Amino acid sequence: NDALATLDPKKVAWRYAKESVLLPTVSDTPRTDFASIEDYFVNFLKLKPQGEIIDSNVVIGHNWAQDCGIYEFTMGATGKKVKGRYSFIYVHEDGEWKIS
């Protein structure tokens, strides 16, 4: 939520690892590089989303972590709510935790 709240697509995209895959909430196009991930957030952030995790299941390994569950976004620009499932795999890359 902190990165989304900046409304800066580049700041959100930097949270993703170099070799990551984003299966977006409101797009049916997989994003597999920095430019396409940033492009998705250019439009998504115009909706001023605020997310709430409803259910989370976390597994932690060596230099990786998995977080899967259900979330709901409230779009501040329209008031519309979007509920969905999520699966995040985090990797430790260049001294930081990134979404893979």
PDB file of N, CA and C in Angstrom:
ATOM      1  N   ASN A   1       0.806  -1.194   0.000  1.00  0.00           N
ATOM      2  CA  ASN A   1       0.000   0.000   0.000  1.00  0.00           C
ATOM      3  C   ASN A   1       0.853   1.264   0.000  1.00  0.00           C
ATOM      4  N   ASP A   2       2.013   1.220   0.679  1.00  0.00           N
ATOM      5  CA  ASP A   2       2.865   2.406   0.740  1.00  0.00           C
ATOM      6  C   ASP A   2       3.316   2.827  -0.648  1.00  0.00           C
ATOM      7  N   ALA A   3       3.758   1.862  -1.460  1.00  0.00           N
ATOM      8  CA  ALA A   3       4.209   2.191  -2.814  1.00  0.00           C
ATOM      9  C   ALA A   3       3.035   2.666  -3.669  1.00  0.00           C
ATOM     10  N   LEU A   4       1.886   2.004  -3.544  1.00  0.00           N
ATOM     11  CA  LEU A   4       0.704   2.430  -4.306  1.00  0.00           C
ATOM     12  C   LEU A   4       0.289   3.847  -3.933  1.00  0.00           C
ATOM     13  N   ALA A   5       0.392   4.182  -2.660  1.00  0.00           N
ATOM     14  CA  ALA A   5      -0.040   5.492  -2.174  1.00  0.00           C
ATOM     15  C   ALA A   5       0.787   6.634  -2.761  1.00  0.00           C
ATOM     16  N   THR A   6       1.997   6.341  -3.238  1.00  0.00           N
ATOM     17  CA  THR A   6       2.816   7.396  -3.851  1.00  0.00           C
ATOM     18  C   THR A   6       2.239   7.814  -5.204  1.00  0.00           C
ATOM     19  N   LEU A   7       1.425   6.937  -5.801  1.00  0.00           N
ATOM     20  CA  LEU A   7       0.876   7.137  -7.149  1.00  0.00           C
ATOM     21  C   LEU A   7       1.979   7.290  -8.195  1.00  0.00           C
ATOM     22  N   ASP A   8       3.160   6.750  -7.897  1.00  0.00           N
ATOM     23  CA  ASP A   8       4.313   6.809  -8.795  1.00  0.00           C
ATOM     24  C   ASP A   8       4.553   5.420  -9.381  1.00  0.00           C
ATOM     25  N   PRO A   9       4.226   5.215 -10.671  1.00  0.00           N
ATOM     26  CA  PRO A   9       4.367   3.891 -11.282  1.00  0.00           C
ATOM     27  C   PRO A   9       5.787   3.333 -11.202  1.00  0.00           C
ATOM     28  N   LYS A  10       6.774   4.184 -11.306  1.00  0.00           N
ATOM     29  CA  LYS A  10       8.161   3.732 -11.258  1.00  0.00           C
ATOM     30  C   LYS A  10       8.502   3.191  -9.874  1.00  0.00           C
ATOM     31  N   LYS A  11       8.050   3.859  -8.815  1.00  0.00           N
ATOM     32  CA  LYS A  11       8.312   3.386  -7.452  1.00  0.00           C
ATOM     33  C   LYS A  11       7.663   2.031  -7.204  1.00  0.00           C
ATOM     34  N   VAL A  12       6.471   1.824  -7.744  1.00  0.00           N
ATOM     35  CA  VAL A  12       5.803   0.535  -7.588  1.00  0.00           C
ATOM     36  C   VAL A  12       6.550  -0.530  -8.391  1.00  0.00           C
ATOM     37  N   ALA A  13       6.908  -0.218  -9.621  1.00  0.00           N
ATOM     38  CA  ALA A  13       7.593  -1.181 -10.490  1.00  0.00           C
ATOM     39  C   ALA A  13       8.948  -1.600  -9.917  1.00  0.00           C
ATOM     40  N   TRP A  14       9.629  -0.701  -9.199  1.00  0.00           N
ATOM     41  CA  TRP A  14      10.923  -1.034  -8.608  1.00  0.00           C
ATOM     42  C   TRP A  14      10.797  -2.077  -7.504  1.00  0.00           C
ATOM     43  N   ARG A  15       9.602  -2.370  -7.047  1.00  0.00           N
ATOM     44  CA  ARG A  15       9.401  -3.407  -6.027  1.00  0.00           C
ATOM     45  C   ARG A  15       9.491  -4.815  -6.613  1.00  0.00           C
ATOM     46  N   TYR A  16       9.575  -4.903  -7.934  1.00  0.00           N
ATOM     47  CA  TYR A  16       9.615  -6.198  -8.621  1.00  0.00           C
ATOM     48  C   TYR A  16      11.047  -6.577  -8.979  1.00  0.00           C
ATOM     49  N   ALA A  17      11.348  -7.867  -8.896  1.00  0.00           N
ATOM     50  CA  ALA A  17      12.675  -8.392  -9.227  1.00  0.00           C
ATOM     51  C   ALA A  17      12.951  -8.239 -10.725  1.00  0.00           C
ATOM     52  N   LYS A  18      14.223  -8.395 -11.076  1.00  0.00           N
ATOM     53  CA  LYS A  18      14.627  -8.259 -12.484  1.00  0.00           C
ATOM     54  C   LYS A  18      13.924  -9.267 -13.388  1.00  0.00           C
ATOM     55  N   GLU A  19      13.736 -10.484 -12.895  1.00  0.00           N
ATOM     56  CA  GLU A  19      13.066 -11.531 -13.674  1.00  0.00           C
ATOM     57  C   GLU A  19      11.760 -11.909 -12.973  1.00  0.00           C
ATOM     58  N   SER A  20      10.802 -11.007 -13.037  1.00  0.00           N
ATOM     59  CA  SER A  20       9.528 -11.229 -12.357  1.00  0.00           C
ATOM     60  C   SER A  20       8.390 -11.357 -13.360  1.00  0.00           C
ATOM     61  N   VAL A  21       7.257 -11.803 -12.851  1.00  0.00           N
ATOM     62  CA  VAL A  21       6.039 -11.891 -13.647  1.00  0.00           C
ATOM     63  C   VAL A  21       4.921 -11.249 -12.834  1.00  0.00           C
ATOM     64  N   LEU A  22       4.251 -10.274 -13.433  1.00  0.00           N
ATOM     65  CA  LEU A  22       3.074  -9.654 -12.831  1.00  0.00           C
ATOM     66  C   LEU A  22       1.856 -10.093 -13.625  1.00  0.00           C
ATOM     67  N   LEU A  23       0.910 -10.737 -12.929  1.00  0.00           N
ATOM     68  CA  LEU A  23      -0.392 -11.061 -13.516  1.00  0.00           C
ATOM     69  C   LEU A  23      -1.361 -10.053 -12.904  1.00  0.00           C
ATOM     70  N   PRO A  24      -1.613  -8.948 -13.609  1.00  0.00           N
ATOM     71  CA  PRO A  24      -2.300  -7.801 -13.020  1.00  0.00           C
ATOM     72  C   PRO A  24      -3.758  -8.036 -12.628  1.00  0.00           C
ATOM     73  N   THR A  25      -4.185  -7.226 -11.668  1.00  0.00           N
ATOM     74  CA  THR A  25      -5.551  -7.284 -11.169  1.00  0.00           C
ATOM     75  C   THR A  25      -6.576  -6.884 -12.229  1.00  0.00           C
ATOM     76  N   VAL A  26      -6.347  -5.805 -12.914  1.00  0.00           N
ATOM     77  CA  VAL A  26      -7.347  -5.291 -13.864  1.00  0.00           C
ATOM     78  C   VAL A  26      -6.816  -5.272 -15.297  1.00  0.00           C
ATOM     79  N   SER A  27      -6.065  -6.300 -15.652  1.00  0.00           N
ATOM     80  CA  SER A  27      -5.563  -6.462 -17.016  1.00  0.00           C
ATOM     81  C   SER A  27      -5.345  -7.952 -17.252  1.00  0.00           C
ATOM     82  N   ASP A  28      -5.576  -8.386 -18.485  1.00  0.00           N
ATOM     83  CA  ASP A  28      -5.345  -9.799 -18.792  1.00  0.00           C
ATOM     84  C   ASP A  28      -4.030 -10.021 -19.527  1.00  0.00           C
ATOM     85  N   THR A  29      -3.134  -9.027 -19.472  1.00  0.00           N
ATOM     86  CA  THR A  29      -1.830  -9.120 -20.119  1.00  0.00           C
ATOM     87  C   THR A  29      -0.739  -9.358 -19.086  1.00  0.00           C
ATOM     88  N   PRO A  30      -0.057 -10.517 -19.130  1.00  0.00           N
ATOM     89  CA  PRO A  30       1.070 -10.738 -18.220  1.00  0.00           C
ATOM     90  C   PRO A  30       2.182  -9.721 -18.481  1.00  0.00           C
ATOM     91  N   ARG A  31       2.827  -9.263 -17.431  1.00  0.00           N
ATOM     92  CA  ARG A  31       3.920  -8.287 -17.532  1.00  0.00           C
ATOM     93  C   ARG A  31       5.193  -8.966 -17.043  1.00  0.00           C
ATOM     94  N   THR A  32       6.224  -8.976 -17.885  1.00  0.00           N
ATOM     95  CA  THR A  32       7.428  -9.756 -17.571  1.00  0.00           C
ATOM     96  C   THR A  32       8.723  -8.949 -17.612  1.00  0.00           C
ATOM     97  N   ASP A  33       8.629  -7.637 -17.715  1.00  0.00           N
ATOM     98  CA  ASP A  33       9.829  -6.813 -17.643  1.00  0.00           C
ATOM     99  C   ASP A  33       9.474  -5.479 -16.993  1.00  0.00           C
ATOM    100  N   PHE A  34      10.498  -4.724 -16.626  1.00  0.00           N
ATOM    101  CA  PHE A  34      10.269  -3.476 -15.897  1.00  0.00           C
ATOM    102  C   PHE A  34       9.350  -2.534 -16.662  1.00  0.00           C
ATOM    103  N   ALA A  35       9.592  -2.356 -17.948  1.00  0.00           N
ATOM    104  CA  ALA A  35       8.799  -1.404 -18.741  1.00  0.00           C
ATOM    105  C   ALA A  35       7.320  -1.770 -18.764  1.00  0.00           C
ATOM    106  N   SER A  36       7.011  -3.046 -18.941  1.00  0.00           N
ATOM    107  CA  SER A  36       5.601  -3.436 -19.012  1.00  0.00           C
ATOM    108  C   SER A  36       4.935  -3.394 -17.636  1.00  0.00           C
ATOM    109  N   ILE A  37       5.690  -3.689 -16.573  1.00  0.00           N
ATOM    110  CA  ILE A  37       5.148  -3.579 -15.214  1.00  0.00           C
ATOM    111  C   ILE A  37       4.865  -2.110 -14.895  1.00  0.00           C
ATOM    112  N   GLU A  38       5.806  -1.248 -15.207  1.00  0.00           N
ATOM    113  CA  GLU A  38       5.596   0.190 -14.977  1.00  0.00           C
ATOM    114  C   GLU A  38       4.397   0.681 -15.785  1.00  0.00           C
ATOM    115  N   ASP A  39       4.284   0.240 -17.036  1.00  0.00           N
ATOM    116  CA  ASP A  39       3.173   0.645 -17.906  1.00  0.00           C
ATOM    117  C   ASP A  39       1.827   0.275 -17.291  1.00  0.00           C
ATOM    118  N   TYR A  40       1.725  -0.928 -16.730  1.00  0.00           N
ATOM    119  CA  TYR A  40       0.475  -1.333 -16.082  1.00  0.00           C
ATOM    120  C   TYR A  40       0.128  -0.366 -14.953  1.00  0.00           C
ATOM    121  N   PHE A  41       1.109  -0.023 -14.131  1.00  0.00           N
ATOM    122  CA  PHE A  41       0.837   0.828 -12.981  1.00  0.00           C
ATOM    123  C   PHE A  41       0.553   2.278 -13.371  1.00  0.00           C
ATOM    124  N   VAL A  42       0.998   2.726 -14.549  1.00  0.00           N
ATOM    125  CA  VAL A  42       0.640   4.069 -15.017  1.00  0.00           C
ATOM    126  C   VAL A  42      -0.880   4.214 -15.030  1.00  0.00           C
ATOM    127  N   ASN A  43      -1.560   3.232 -15.588  1.00  0.00           N
ATOM    128  CA  ASN A  43      -3.025   3.300 -15.676  1.00  0.00           C
ATOM    129  C   ASN A  43      -3.706   2.883 -14.379  1.00  0.00           C
ATOM    130  N   PHE A  44      -3.214   1.831 -13.737  1.00  0.00           N
ATOM    131  CA  PHE A  44      -3.835   1.344 -12.513  1.00  0.00           C
ATOM    132  C   PHE A  44      -3.831   2.410 -11.418  1.00  0.00           C
ATOM    133  N   LEU A  45      -2.736   3.143 -11.273  1.00  0.00           N
ATOM    134  CA  LEU A  45      -2.625   4.134 -10.213  1.00  0.00           C
ATOM    135  C   LEU A  45      -3.539   5.335 -10.427  1.00  0.00           C
ATOM    136  N   LYS A  46      -3.990   5.545 -11.654  1.00  0.00           N
ATOM    137  CA  LYS A  46      -4.956   6.619 -11.909  1.00  0.00           C
ATOM    138  C   LYS A  46      -6.265   6.363 -11.162  1.00  0.00           C
ATOM    139  N   LEU A  47      -6.519   5.089 -10.813  1.00  0.00           N
ATOM    140  CA  LEU A  47      -7.720   4.723 -10.066  1.00  0.00           C
ATOM    141  C   LEU A  47      -7.574   4.975  -8.565  1.00  0.00           C
ATOM    142  N   LYS A  48      -6.371   5.350  -8.127  1.00  0.00           N
ATOM    143  CA  LYS A  48      -6.053   5.609  -6.716  1.00  0.00           C
ATOM    144  C   LYS A  48      -6.442   4.430  -5.820  1.00  0.00           C
ATOM    145  N   PRO A  49      -5.840   3.266  -6.095  1.00  0.00           N
ATOM    146  CA  PRO A  49      -6.207   2.063  -5.345  1.00  0.00           C
ATOM    147  C   PRO A  49      -5.651   2.047  -3.919  1.00  0.00           C
ATOM    148  N   GLN A  50      -6.448   1.496  -3.028  1.00  0.00           N
ATOM    149  CA  GLN A  50      -6.009   1.203  -1.666  1.00  0.00           C
ATOM    150  C   GLN A  50      -6.388  -0.234  -1.394  1.00  0.00           C
ATOM    151  N   GLY A  51      -5.402  -1.063  -1.063  1.00  0.00           N
ATOM    152  CA  GLY A  51      -5.638  -2.484  -0.887  1.00  0.00           C
ATOM    153  C   GLY A  51      -5.807  -2.893   0.558  1.00  0.00           C
ATOM    154  N   GLU A  52      -6.595  -3.936   0.749  1.00  0.00           N
ATOM    155  CA  GLU A  52      -6.764  -4.538   2.063  1.00  0.00           C
ATOM    156  C   GLU A  52      -6.635  -6.046   1.900  1.00  0.00           C
ATOM    157  N   ILE A  53      -5.732  -6.655   2.653  1.00  0.00           N
ATOM    158  CA  ILE A  53      -5.581  -8.104   2.624  1.00  0.00           C
ATOM    159  C   ILE A  53      -6.644  -8.704   3.536  1.00  0.00           C
ATOM    160  N   ILE A  54      -7.448  -9.589   2.973  1.00  0.00           N
ATOM    161  CA  ILE A  54      -8.535 -10.223   3.702  1.00  0.00           C
ATOM    162  C   ILE A  54      -8.061 -11.545   4.320  1.00  0.00           C
ATOM    163  N   ASP A  55      -7.246 -12.279   3.569  1.00  0.00           N
ATOM    164  CA  ASP A  55      -6.721 -13.561   4.041  1.00  0.00           C
ATOM    165  C   ASP A  55      -5.312 -13.718   3.489  1.00  0.00           C
ATOM    166  N   SER A  56      -4.357 -14.103   4.340  1.00  0.00           N
ATOM    167  CA  SER A  56      -2.962 -14.227   3.934  1.00  0.00           C
ATOM    168  C   SER A  56      -2.381 -15.524   4.474  1.00  0.00           C
ATOM    169  N   ASN A  57      -1.630 -16.214   3.620  1.00  0.00           N
ATOM    170  CA  ASN A  57      -0.936 -17.447   3.997  1.00  0.00           C
ATOM    171  C   ASN A  57       0.521 -17.286   3.598  1.00  0.00           C
ATOM    172  N   VAL A  58       1.412 -17.250   4.592  1.00  0.00           N
ATOM    173  CA  VAL A  58       2.827 -16.957   4.348  1.00  0.00           C
ATOM    174  C   VAL A  58       3.678 -18.188   4.635  1.00  0.00           C
ATOM    175  N   VAL A  59       4.646 -18.448   3.738  1.00  0.00           N
ATOM    176  CA  VAL A  59       5.650 -19.488   3.917  1.00  0.00           C
ATOM    177  C   VAL A  59       7.003 -18.819   3.702  1.00  0.00           C
ATOM    178  N   ILE A  60       7.955 -19.074   4.599  1.00  0.00           N
ATOM    179  CA  ILE A  60       9.269 -18.430   4.510  1.00  0.00           C
ATOM    180  C   ILE A  60      10.337 -19.487   4.293  1.00  0.00           C
ATOM    181  N   GLY A  61      11.205 -19.235   3.310  1.00  0.00           N
ATOM    182  CA  GLY A  61      12.333 -20.109   3.023  1.00  0.00           C
ATOM    183  C   GLY A  61      13.632 -19.339   3.098  1.00  0.00           C
ATOM    184  N   HIS A  62      14.710 -19.934   2.587  1.00  0.00           N
ATOM    185  CA  HIS A  62      16.020 -19.281   2.584  1.00  0.00           C
ATOM    186  C   HIS A  62      16.103 -18.353   1.374  1.00  0.00           C
ATOM    187  N   ASN A  63      16.145 -17.056   1.623  1.00  0.00           N
ATOM    188  CA  ASN A  63      16.201 -16.018   0.586  1.00  0.00           C
ATOM    189  C   ASN A  63      14.953 -15.955  -0.291  1.00  0.00           C
ATOM    190  N   TRP A  64      13.847 -16.488   0.202  1.00  0.00           N
ATOM    191  CA  TRP A  64      12.572 -16.352  -0.504  1.00  0.00           C
ATOM    192  C   TRP A  64      11.434 -16.423   0.508  1.00  0.00           C
ATOM    193  N   ALA A  65      10.314 -15.895   0.115  1.00  0.00           N
ATOM    194  CA  ALA A  65       9.096 -15.983   0.923  1.00  0.00           C
ATOM    195  C   ALA A  65       7.910 -16.001  -0.039  1.00  0.00           C
ATOM    196  N   GLN A  66       6.845 -16.635   0.400  1.00  0.00           N
ATOM    197  CA  GLN A  66       5.626 -16.728  -0.406  1.00  0.00           C
ATOM    198  C   GLN A  66       4.467 -16.177   0.416  1.00  0.00           C
ATOM    199  N   ASP A  67       3.651 -15.346  -0.201  1.00  0.00           N
ATOM    200  CA  ASP A  67       2.455 -14.810   0.447  1.00  0.00           C
ATOM    201  C   ASP A  67       1.307 -14.937  -0.546  1.00  0.00           C
ATOM    202  N   CYS A  68       0.311 -15.739  -0.213  1.00  0.00           N
ATOM    203  CA  CYS A  68      -0.840 -15.973  -1.087  1.00  0.00           C
ATOM    204  C   CYS A  68      -2.110 -15.740  -0.294  1.00  0.00           C
ATOM    205  N   GLY A  69      -3.115 -15.197  -0.960  1.00  0.00           N
ATOM    206  CA  GLY A  69      -4.364 -14.979  -0.261  1.00  0.00           C
ATOM    207  C   GLY A  69      -5.393 -14.228  -1.068  1.00  0.00           C
ATOM    208  N   ILE A  70      -6.285 -13.555  -0.352  1.00  0.00           N
ATOM    209  CA  ILE A  70      -7.380 -12.790  -0.936  1.00  0.00           C
ATOM    210  C   ILE A  70      -7.227 -11.331  -0.508  1.00  0.00           C
ATOM    211  N   TYR A  71      -7.460 -10.415  -1.433  1.00  0.00           N
ATOM    212  CA  TYR A  71      -7.387  -8.990  -1.136  1.00  0.00           C
ATOM    213  C   TYR A  71      -8.589  -8.295  -1.740  1.00  0.00           C
ATOM    214  N   GLU A  72      -8.758  -7.037  -1.346  1.00  0.00           N
ATOM    215  CA  GLU A  72      -9.781  -6.200  -1.958  1.00  0.00           C
ATOM    216  C   GLU A  72      -9.197  -4.815  -2.150  1.00  0.00           C
ATOM    217  N   PHE A  73      -9.305  -4.303  -3.368  1.00  0.00           N
ATOM    218  CA  PHE A  73      -8.902  -2.935  -3.658  1.00  0.00           C
ATOM    219  C   PHE A  73     -10.139  -2.053  -3.670  1.00  0.00           C
ATOM    220  N   THR A  74     -10.035  -0.892  -3.039  1.00  0.00           N
ATOM    221  CA  THR A  74     -11.038   0.156  -3.194  1.00  0.00           C
ATOM    222  C   THR A  74     -10.391   1.215  -4.067  1.00  0.00           C
ATOM    223  N   MET A  75     -11.042   1.523  -5.178  1.00  0.00           N
ATOM    224  CA  MET A  75     -10.521   2.511  -6.110  1.00  0.00           C
ATOM    225  C   MET A  75     -10.976   3.896  -5.657  1.00  0.00           C
ATOM    226  N   GLY A  76     -10.038   4.666  -5.124  1.00  0.00           N
ATOM    227  CA  GLY A  76     -10.362   5.983  -4.586  1.00  0.00           C
ATOM    228  C   GLY A  76     -10.968   6.924  -5.607  1.00  0.00           C
ATOM    229  N   ALA A  77     -10.614   6.741  -6.884  1.00  0.00           N
ATOM    230  CA  ALA A  77     -11.125   7.623  -7.934  1.00  0.00           C
ATOM    231  C   ALA A  77     -12.602   7.373  -8.232  1.00  0.00           C
ATOM    232  N   THR A  78     -13.079   6.139  -7.990  1.00  0.00           N
ATOM    233  CA  THR A  78     -14.456   5.788  -8.368  1.00  0.00           C
ATOM    234  C   THR A  78     -15.268   5.198  -7.210  1.00  0.00           C
ATOM    235  N   GLY A  79     -14.607   4.733  -6.166  1.00  0.00           N
ATOM    236  CA  GLY A  79     -15.293   4.052  -5.076  1.00  0.00           C
ATOM    237  C   GLY A  79     -15.555   2.578  -5.355  1.00  0.00           C
ATOM    238  N   LYS A  80     -15.248   2.131  -6.568  1.00  0.00           N
ATOM    239  CA  LYS A  80     -15.462   0.730  -6.944  1.00  0.00           C
ATOM    240  C   LYS A  80     -14.546  -0.174  -6.133  1.00  0.00           C
ATOM    241  N   LYS A  81     -15.051  -1.358  -5.776  1.00  0.00           N
ATOM    242  CA  LYS A  81     -14.259  -2.354  -5.062  1.00  0.00           C
ATOM    243  C   LYS A  81     -13.967  -3.522  -5.991  1.00  0.00           C
ATOM    244  N   VAL A  82     -12.733  -3.997  -5.936  1.00  0.00           N
ATOM    245  CA  VAL A  82     -12.303  -5.132  -6.748  1.00  0.00           C
ATOM    246  C   VAL A  82     -11.679  -6.154  -5.809  1.00  0.00           C
ATOM    247  N   LYS A  83     -12.283  -7.326  -5.732  1.00  0.00           N
ATOM    248  CA  LYS A  83     -11.764  -8.391  -4.882  1.00  0.00           C
ATOM    249  C   LYS A  83     -11.046  -9.398  -5.775  1.00  0.00           C
ATOM    250  N   GLY A  84      -9.967  -9.958  -5.267  1.00  0.00           N
ATOM    251  CA  GLY A  84      -9.239 -10.942  -6.061  1.00  0.00           C
ATOM    252  C   GLY A  84      -8.288 -11.754  -5.206  1.00  0.00           C
ATOM    253  N   ARG A  85      -7.668 -12.707  -5.854  1.00  0.00           N
ATOM    254  CA  ARG A  85      -6.658 -13.510  -5.166  1.00  0.00           C
ATOM    255  C   ARG A  85      -5.289 -13.006  -5.577  1.00  0.00           C
ATOM    256  N   TYR A  86      -4.314 -13.272  -4.724  1.00  0.00           N
ATOM    257  CA  TYR A  86      -2.950 -12.861  -5.046  1.00  0.00           C
ATOM    258  C   TYR A  86      -1.981 -13.960  -4.669  1.00  0.00           C
ATOM    259  N   SER A  87      -0.853 -13.983  -5.351  1.00  0.00           N
ATOM    260  CA  SER A  87       0.260 -14.888  -5.060  1.00  0.00           C
ATOM    261  C   SER A  87       1.543 -14.094  -5.264  1.00  0.00           C
ATOM    262  N   PHE A  88       2.242 -13.838  -4.194  1.00  0.00           N
ATOM    263  CA  PHE A  88       3.525 -13.150  -4.274  1.00  0.00           C
ATOM    264  C   PHE A  88       4.618 -14.112  -3.841  1.00  0.00           C
ATOM    265  N   ILE A  89       5.659 -14.191  -4.650  1.00  0.00           N
ATOM    266  CA  ILE A  89       6.900 -14.852  -4.266  1.00  0.00           C
ATOM    267  C   ILE A  89       7.927 -13.728  -4.156  1.00  0.00           C
ATOM    268  N   TYR A  90       8.542 -13.621  -3.000  1.00  0.00           N
ATOM    269  CA  TYR A  90       9.565 -12.604  -2.771  1.00  0.00           C
ATOM    270  C   TYR A  90      10.940 -13.266  -2.825  1.00  0.00           C
ATOM    271  N   VAL A  91      11.896 -12.572  -3.450  1.00  0.00           N
ATOM    272  CA  VAL A  91      13.282 -13.042  -3.497  1.00  0.00           C
ATOM    273  C   VAL A  91      14.186 -11.942  -2.949  1.00  0.00           C
ATOM    274  N   HIS A  92      15.288 -12.366  -2.357  1.00  0.00           N
ATOM    275  CA  HIS A  92      16.260 -11.403  -1.848  1.00  0.00           C
ATOM    276  C   HIS A  92      17.228 -11.112  -2.987  1.00  0.00           C
ATOM    277  N   GLU A  93      17.157  -9.887  -3.520  1.00  0.00           N
ATOM    278  CA  GLU A  93      17.933  -9.522  -4.708  1.00  0.00           C
ATOM    279  C   GLU A  93      18.637  -8.182  -4.451  1.00  0.00           C
ATOM    280  N   ASP A  94      19.935  -8.175  -4.648  1.00  0.00           N
ATOM    281  CA  ASP A  94      20.734  -6.955  -4.465  1.00  0.00           C
ATOM    282  C   ASP A  94      20.481  -6.307  -3.108  1.00  0.00           C
ATOM    283  N   GLY A  95      20.364  -7.132  -2.070  1.00  0.00           N
ATOM    284  CA  GLY A  95      20.215  -6.620  -0.711  1.00  0.00           C
ATOM    285  C   GLY A  95      18.813  -6.163  -0.352  1.00  0.00           C
ATOM    286  N   GLU A  96      17.827  -6.391  -1.227  1.00  0.00           N
ATOM    287  CA  GLU A  96      16.458  -5.973  -0.964  1.00  0.00           C
ATOM    288  C   GLU A  96      15.491  -7.115  -1.273  1.00  0.00           C
ATOM    289  N   TRP A  97      14.349  -7.114  -0.604  1.00  0.00           N
ATOM    290  CA  TRP A  97      13.296  -8.059  -0.917  1.00  0.00           C
ATOM    291  C   TRP A  97      12.478  -7.513  -2.078  1.00  0.00           C
ATOM    292  N   LYS A  98      12.329  -8.334  -3.118  1.00  0.00           N
ATOM    293  CA  LYS A  98      11.604  -7.927  -4.327  1.00  0.00           C
ATOM    294  C   LYS A  98      10.525  -8.957  -4.647  1.00  0.00           C
ATOM    295  N   ILE A  99       9.478  -8.501  -5.313  1.00  0.00           N
ATOM    296  CA  ILE A  99       8.430  -9.401  -5.785  1.00  0.00           C
ATOM    297  C   ILE A  99       8.958 -10.093  -7.034  1.00  0.00           C
ATOM    298  N   SER A 100       8.831 -11.406  -7.082  1.00  0.00           N
ATOM    299  CA  SER A 100       9.391 -12.163  -8.196  1.00  0.00           C
ATOM    300  C   SER A 100       8.329 -12.495  -9.234  1.00  0.00           C
TER     301      SER A 100
END
